[in-house]
Amino acid sequence: MTRIERKNRKPLVARFGGIPLQRQRAAEIADREPVRVDYPQKELIARLLAREICGGKGNVQVHDVRTLADLAHAGWQPSDWARVMLHRRRKTVVACDICHDRIHSEPPARPLTP
């Protein structure tokens, strides 16, 4: 709080959030270094490194489907990549580029019963 006394009048008072606005020549500024928070490895990074279908090396691609219900039809035998997605309840699966091409080249699943 800064206060200026005046003759025959009320003093002028300035206050800003409880911080005094008077100049302090001997003031020291203590900048604190922010504490760095190191989070454990994110799930996305772990999934990208895992290559969830084959575990192979090389470039990765993410295969996705609109809904999991498209994969879980009664009477259909799901492929290996579909089983991974159904088991993990995820609409995406991380695969190497070779496996991703194989997913798209497979014929659609056929029902087990005619």
N, C-alpha and C. Protein backbone atom coordinates (compact mmCIF):
# COMPACT_ATOMS: atom_id res chain seq x y z
N MET A 1 0.85 -1.15 0.00
CA MET A 1 0.00 0.00 0.00
C MET A 1 0.91 1.23 0.00
N THR A 2 0.59 2.16 -0.86
CA THR A 2 1.31 3.41 -0.92
C THR A 2 0.40 4.52 -0.42
N ARG A 3 0.97 5.36 0.42
CA ARG A 3 0.15 6.41 1.04
C ARG A 3 0.89 7.74 0.90
N ILE A 4 0.19 8.74 0.37
CA ILE A 4 0.75 10.09 0.24
C ILE A 4 -0.12 11.02 1.08
N GLU A 5 0.52 11.59 2.08
CA GLU A 5 -0.19 12.52 2.96
C GLU A 5 -0.36 13.86 2.23
N ARG A 6 -1.53 14.51 2.41
CA ARG A 6 -1.80 15.80 1.81
C ARG A 6 -2.33 16.75 2.87
N LYS A 7 -2.02 18.04 2.73
CA LYS A 7 -2.50 19.05 3.68
C LYS A 7 -3.99 19.27 3.51
N ASN A 8 -4.70 19.30 4.60
CA ASN A 8 -6.13 19.59 4.65
C ASN A 8 -6.98 18.66 3.78
N ARG A 9 -6.47 17.52 3.45
CA ARG A 9 -7.24 16.54 2.66
C ARG A 9 -6.93 15.13 3.15
N LYS A 10 -7.78 14.22 2.70
CA LYS A 10 -7.53 12.81 3.02
C LYS A 10 -6.28 12.34 2.26
N PRO A 11 -5.50 11.45 2.84
CA PRO A 11 -4.31 10.97 2.13
C PRO A 11 -4.69 10.14 0.91
N LEU A 12 -3.84 10.14 -0.12
CA LEU A 12 -4.02 9.28 -1.29
C LEU A 12 -3.45 7.90 -0.96
N VAL A 13 -4.23 6.87 -1.23
CA VAL A 13 -3.82 5.50 -0.92
C VAL A 13 -3.94 4.67 -2.20
N ALA A 14 -2.87 3.97 -2.54
CA ALA A 14 -2.88 3.07 -3.69
C ALA A 14 -2.57 1.66 -3.21
N ARG A 15 -3.39 0.72 -3.66
CA ARG A 15 -3.21 -0.68 -3.25
C ARG A 15 -3.54 -1.55 -4.46
N PHE A 16 -2.73 -2.57 -4.70
CA PHE A 16 -2.97 -3.50 -5.79
C PHE A 16 -2.81 -4.91 -5.25
N GLY A 17 -3.91 -5.55 -4.96
CA GLY A 17 -3.87 -6.94 -4.51
C GLY A 17 -3.02 -7.18 -3.29
N GLY A 18 -2.92 -6.20 -2.42
CA GLY A 18 -2.14 -6.36 -1.21
C GLY A 18 -0.65 -6.21 -1.41
N ILE A 19 -0.23 -5.90 -2.63
CA ILE A 19 1.20 -5.72 -2.92
C ILE A 19 1.52 -4.23 -2.78
N PRO A 20 2.47 -3.87 -1.95
CA PRO A 20 2.80 -2.45 -1.83
C PRO A 20 3.42 -1.92 -3.11
N LEU A 21 3.02 -0.72 -3.49
CA LEU A 21 3.50 -0.14 -4.72
C LEU A 21 4.66 0.83 -4.50
N GLN A 22 5.26 0.77 -3.33
CA GLN A 22 6.41 1.61 -3.06
C GLN A 22 7.65 0.97 -3.64
N ARG A 23 8.54 1.81 -4.09
CA ARG A 23 9.79 1.31 -4.65
C ARG A 23 10.68 0.78 -3.53
N GLN A 24 11.24 -0.39 -3.73
CA GLN A 24 12.14 -0.99 -2.75
C GLN A 24 13.50 -1.16 -3.43
N ARG A 25 14.40 -0.27 -3.11
CA ARG A 25 15.71 -0.28 -3.77
C ARG A 25 16.52 -1.53 -3.43
N ALA A 26 16.33 -2.08 -2.26
CA ALA A 26 17.11 -3.24 -1.84
C ALA A 26 16.41 -4.56 -2.13
N ALA A 27 15.33 -4.51 -2.91
CA ALA A 27 14.58 -5.73 -3.18
C ALA A 27 15.39 -6.68 -4.07
N GLU A 28 15.26 -7.97 -3.79
CA GLU A 28 15.91 -8.99 -4.60
C GLU A 28 14.84 -9.81 -5.31
N ILE A 29 15.10 -10.05 -6.56
CA ILE A 29 14.15 -10.86 -7.33
C ILE A 29 14.64 -12.30 -7.27
N ALA A 30 13.77 -13.18 -6.83
CA ALA A 30 14.12 -14.59 -6.73
C ALA A 30 13.26 -15.37 -7.72
N ASP A 31 13.81 -15.57 -8.92
CA ASP A 31 13.09 -16.38 -9.91
C ASP A 31 13.30 -17.85 -9.58
N ARG A 32 12.20 -18.52 -9.43
CA ARG A 32 12.28 -19.95 -9.14
C ARG A 32 12.21 -20.72 -10.45
N GLU A 33 13.04 -21.73 -10.56
CA GLU A 33 12.99 -22.58 -11.74
C GLU A 33 11.79 -23.51 -11.60
N PRO A 34 10.96 -23.60 -12.62
CA PRO A 34 9.79 -24.47 -12.50
C PRO A 34 10.20 -25.93 -12.34
N VAL A 35 9.42 -26.65 -11.59
CA VAL A 35 9.69 -28.07 -11.36
C VAL A 35 9.24 -28.84 -12.59
N ARG A 36 10.14 -29.60 -13.15
CA ARG A 36 9.81 -30.38 -14.32
C ARG A 36 9.16 -31.68 -13.89
N VAL A 37 8.01 -31.96 -14.45
CA VAL A 37 7.31 -33.20 -14.15
C VAL A 37 7.59 -34.17 -15.28
N ASP A 38 8.20 -35.27 -14.96
CA ASP A 38 8.53 -36.27 -15.96
C ASP A 38 7.51 -37.39 -15.87
N TYR A 39 6.61 -37.42 -16.85
CA TYR A 39 5.56 -38.43 -16.85
C TYR A 39 6.11 -39.76 -17.36
N PRO A 40 5.56 -40.85 -16.88
CA PRO A 40 5.99 -42.14 -17.44
C PRO A 40 5.58 -42.20 -18.92
N GLN A 41 6.12 -43.16 -19.62
CA GLN A 41 5.87 -43.26 -21.05
C GLN A 41 4.39 -43.31 -21.35
N LYS A 42 3.98 -42.51 -22.27
CA LYS A 42 2.57 -42.44 -22.66
C LYS A 42 2.14 -43.73 -23.34
N GLU A 43 0.85 -44.04 -23.23
CA GLU A 43 0.31 -45.26 -23.80
C GLU A 43 0.46 -45.28 -25.32
N LEU A 44 0.26 -44.13 -25.95
CA LEU A 44 0.37 -44.08 -27.40
C LEU A 44 1.77 -44.46 -27.87
N ILE A 45 2.78 -43.94 -27.19
CA ILE A 45 4.16 -44.26 -27.57
C ILE A 45 4.42 -45.75 -27.38
N ALA A 46 3.93 -46.31 -26.28
CA ALA A 46 4.12 -47.74 -26.04
C ALA A 46 3.43 -48.56 -27.13
N ARG A 47 2.24 -48.14 -27.57
CA ARG A 47 1.53 -48.86 -28.63
C ARG A 47 2.27 -48.76 -29.95
N LEU A 48 2.81 -47.58 -30.25
CA LEU A 48 3.54 -47.41 -31.50
C LEU A 48 4.80 -48.27 -31.53
N LEU A 49 5.46 -48.39 -30.39
CA LEU A 49 6.68 -49.19 -30.33
C LEU A 49 6.38 -50.69 -30.36
N ALA A 50 5.19 -51.09 -29.92
CA ALA A 50 4.86 -52.51 -29.79
C ALA A 50 4.54 -53.18 -31.13
N ARG A 51 4.00 -52.44 -32.08
CA ARG A 51 3.50 -53.03 -33.34
C ARG A 51 2.63 -54.22 -32.98
N GLU A 52 1.43 -53.93 -32.58
CA GLU A 52 0.57 -54.84 -31.82
C GLU A 52 0.23 -56.16 -32.51
N ILE A 53 0.37 -56.25 -33.80
CA ILE A 53 0.00 -57.51 -34.46
C ILE A 53 1.19 -58.46 -34.56
N CYS A 54 2.31 -57.97 -35.12
CA CYS A 54 3.42 -58.88 -35.38
C CYS A 54 4.66 -58.57 -34.56
N GLY A 55 4.76 -57.36 -34.03
CA GLY A 55 5.95 -56.98 -33.29
C GLY A 55 7.16 -56.77 -34.18
N GLY A 56 6.94 -56.71 -35.50
CA GLY A 56 8.04 -56.56 -36.44
C GLY A 56 8.69 -55.19 -36.39
N LYS A 57 9.76 -55.08 -37.15
CA LYS A 57 10.47 -53.81 -37.22
C LYS A 57 10.04 -53.08 -38.49
N GLY A 58 10.34 -51.82 -38.55
CA GLY A 58 10.02 -51.05 -39.75
C GLY A 58 9.01 -49.96 -39.45
N ASN A 59 8.51 -49.38 -40.52
CA ASN A 59 7.54 -48.29 -40.37
C ASN A 59 6.23 -48.80 -39.78
N VAL A 60 5.56 -47.92 -39.06
CA VAL A 60 4.28 -48.30 -38.46
C VAL A 60 3.16 -47.55 -39.14
N GLN A 61 2.00 -48.18 -39.14
CA GLN A 61 0.77 -47.57 -39.63
C GLN A 61 -0.32 -47.95 -38.65
N VAL A 62 -1.35 -47.13 -38.59
CA VAL A 62 -2.46 -47.40 -37.68
C VAL A 62 -3.68 -47.74 -38.51
N HIS A 63 -4.23 -48.92 -38.26
CA HIS A 63 -5.46 -49.35 -38.94
C HIS A 63 -6.62 -49.05 -38.01
N ASP A 64 -7.68 -48.50 -38.57
CA ASP A 64 -8.85 -48.20 -37.74
C ASP A 64 -10.12 -48.65 -38.44
N VAL A 65 -11.15 -48.88 -37.62
CA VAL A 65 -12.47 -49.24 -38.12
C VAL A 65 -13.47 -48.25 -37.55
N ARG A 66 -14.62 -48.16 -38.19
CA ARG A 66 -15.61 -47.20 -37.71
C ARG A 66 -16.18 -47.60 -36.35
N THR A 67 -16.56 -48.86 -36.24
CA THR A 67 -17.10 -49.34 -34.95
C THR A 67 -16.59 -50.75 -34.70
N LEU A 68 -16.46 -51.09 -33.43
CA LEU A 68 -16.05 -52.46 -33.09
C LEU A 68 -17.15 -53.45 -33.43
N ALA A 69 -18.38 -52.99 -33.47
CA ALA A 69 -19.48 -53.89 -33.80
C ALA A 69 -19.32 -54.46 -35.20
N ASP A 70 -18.64 -53.74 -36.09
CA ASP A 70 -18.39 -54.26 -37.43
C ASP A 70 -17.52 -55.51 -37.40
N LEU A 71 -16.69 -55.65 -36.37
CA LEU A 71 -15.79 -56.80 -36.26
C LEU A 71 -16.41 -57.97 -35.53
N ALA A 72 -17.41 -57.73 -34.72
CA ALA A 72 -17.93 -58.75 -33.82
C ALA A 72 -19.28 -59.29 -34.30
N HIS A 73 -19.33 -59.81 -35.52
CA HIS A 73 -20.56 -60.40 -36.01
C HIS A 73 -20.66 -61.85 -35.55
N ALA A 74 -21.83 -62.23 -35.11
CA ALA A 74 -22.03 -63.62 -34.68
C ALA A 74 -21.84 -64.54 -35.88
N GLY A 75 -21.11 -65.62 -35.67
CA GLY A 75 -20.89 -66.60 -36.73
C GLY A 75 -19.70 -66.30 -37.62
N TRP A 76 -19.00 -65.22 -37.40
CA TRP A 76 -17.83 -64.88 -38.20
C TRP A 76 -16.57 -65.24 -37.43
N GLN A 77 -15.60 -65.72 -38.14
CA GLN A 77 -14.31 -66.03 -37.53
C GLN A 77 -13.42 -64.80 -37.70
N PRO A 78 -13.12 -64.06 -36.62
CA PRO A 78 -12.30 -62.85 -36.78
C PRO A 78 -10.85 -63.21 -37.09
N SER A 79 -10.20 -62.35 -37.86
CA SER A 79 -8.79 -62.56 -38.19
C SER A 79 -7.95 -62.14 -36.98
N ASP A 80 -6.62 -62.34 -37.09
CA ASP A 80 -5.75 -62.04 -35.96
C ASP A 80 -5.81 -60.57 -35.56
N TRP A 81 -5.82 -59.67 -36.54
CA TRP A 81 -5.88 -58.24 -36.20
C TRP A 81 -7.22 -57.87 -35.60
N ALA A 82 -8.31 -58.48 -36.06
CA ALA A 82 -9.63 -58.20 -35.50
C ALA A 82 -9.71 -58.71 -34.07
N ARG A 83 -9.10 -59.88 -33.80
CA ARG A 83 -9.10 -60.39 -32.43
C ARG A 83 -8.37 -59.45 -31.48
N VAL A 84 -7.25 -58.88 -31.94
CA VAL A 84 -6.50 -57.94 -31.11
C VAL A 84 -7.37 -56.73 -30.78
N MET A 85 -8.05 -56.20 -31.78
CA MET A 85 -8.89 -55.02 -31.58
C MET A 85 -10.07 -55.33 -30.66
N LEU A 86 -10.69 -56.49 -30.84
CA LEU A 86 -11.82 -56.86 -29.99
C LEU A 86 -11.38 -57.10 -28.56
N HIS A 87 -10.24 -57.78 -28.39
CA HIS A 87 -9.74 -58.08 -27.05
C HIS A 87 -9.41 -56.80 -26.29
N ARG A 88 -8.79 -55.84 -26.96
CA ARG A 88 -8.39 -54.59 -26.30
C ARG A 88 -9.50 -53.54 -26.31
N ARG A 89 -10.59 -53.85 -27.01
CA ARG A 89 -11.72 -52.92 -27.13
C ARG A 89 -11.26 -51.57 -27.67
N ARG A 90 -10.52 -51.64 -28.76
CA ARG A 90 -10.01 -50.43 -29.40
C ARG A 90 -10.39 -50.44 -30.88
N LYS A 91 -10.67 -49.26 -31.40
CA LYS A 91 -11.01 -49.14 -32.81
C LYS A 91 -9.78 -48.97 -33.68
N THR A 92 -8.61 -48.96 -33.07
CA THR A 92 -7.36 -48.84 -33.83
C THR A 92 -6.40 -49.94 -33.41
N VAL A 93 -5.53 -50.30 -34.34
CA VAL A 93 -4.47 -51.25 -34.05
C VAL A 93 -3.22 -50.76 -34.79
N VAL A 94 -2.08 -50.83 -34.11
CA VAL A 94 -0.81 -50.40 -34.69
C VAL A 94 -0.14 -51.61 -35.33
N ALA A 95 0.23 -51.48 -36.58
CA ALA A 95 0.85 -52.59 -37.31
C ALA A 95 2.01 -52.07 -38.15
N CYS A 96 2.91 -52.96 -38.48
CA CYS A 96 3.97 -52.57 -39.42
C CYS A 96 3.31 -52.38 -40.79
N ASP A 97 4.00 -51.73 -41.70
CA ASP A 97 3.38 -51.43 -42.99
C ASP A 97 3.03 -52.69 -43.78
N ILE A 98 3.80 -53.76 -43.62
CA ILE A 98 3.51 -55.02 -44.32
C ILE A 98 2.21 -55.62 -43.80
N CYS A 99 2.06 -55.66 -42.46
CA CYS A 99 0.82 -56.21 -41.88
C CYS A 99 -0.39 -55.35 -42.23
N HIS A 100 -0.19 -54.04 -42.28
CA HIS A 100 -1.31 -53.16 -42.61
C HIS A 100 -1.75 -53.39 -44.06
N ASP A 101 -0.81 -53.59 -44.96
CA ASP A 101 -1.17 -53.92 -46.34
C ASP A 101 -1.91 -55.26 -46.41
N ARG A 102 -1.46 -56.22 -45.60
CA ARG A 102 -2.12 -57.54 -45.55
C ARG A 102 -3.56 -57.42 -45.06
N ILE A 103 -3.78 -56.54 -44.07
CA ILE A 103 -5.14 -56.33 -43.54
C ILE A 103 -6.06 -55.86 -44.66
N HIS A 104 -5.58 -54.93 -45.46
CA HIS A 104 -6.43 -54.37 -46.52
C HIS A 104 -6.56 -55.30 -47.72
N SER A 105 -5.63 -56.25 -47.89
CA SER A 105 -5.72 -57.16 -49.03
C SER A 105 -6.53 -58.41 -48.71
N GLU A 106 -6.82 -58.67 -47.42
CA GLU A 106 -7.60 -59.85 -47.05
C GLU A 106 -9.02 -59.73 -47.56
N PRO A 107 -9.59 -60.84 -48.01
CA PRO A 107 -11.00 -60.80 -48.37
C PRO A 107 -11.84 -60.59 -47.11
N PRO A 108 -13.02 -60.03 -47.23
CA PRO A 108 -13.83 -59.85 -46.02
C PRO A 108 -14.16 -61.19 -45.37
N ALA A 109 -14.33 -61.18 -44.08
CA ALA A 109 -14.63 -62.42 -43.35
C ALA A 109 -15.94 -62.99 -43.82
N ARG A 110 -16.00 -64.31 -43.86
CA ARG A 110 -17.24 -65.00 -44.28
C ARG A 110 -17.85 -65.71 -43.09
N PRO A 111 -19.16 -65.81 -43.08
CA PRO A 111 -19.78 -66.53 -41.97
C PRO A 111 -19.40 -68.02 -42.01
N LEU A 112 -19.33 -68.64 -40.83
CA LEU A 112 -18.97 -70.05 -40.76
C LEU A 112 -20.10 -70.94 -41.25
N THR A 113 -21.31 -70.47 -41.12
CA THR A 113 -22.45 -71.27 -41.57
C THR A 113 -22.92 -70.73 -42.93
N PRO A 114 -23.36 -71.60 -43.82
CA PRO A 114 -23.79 -71.15 -45.15
C PRO A 114 -25.08 -70.36 -45.13
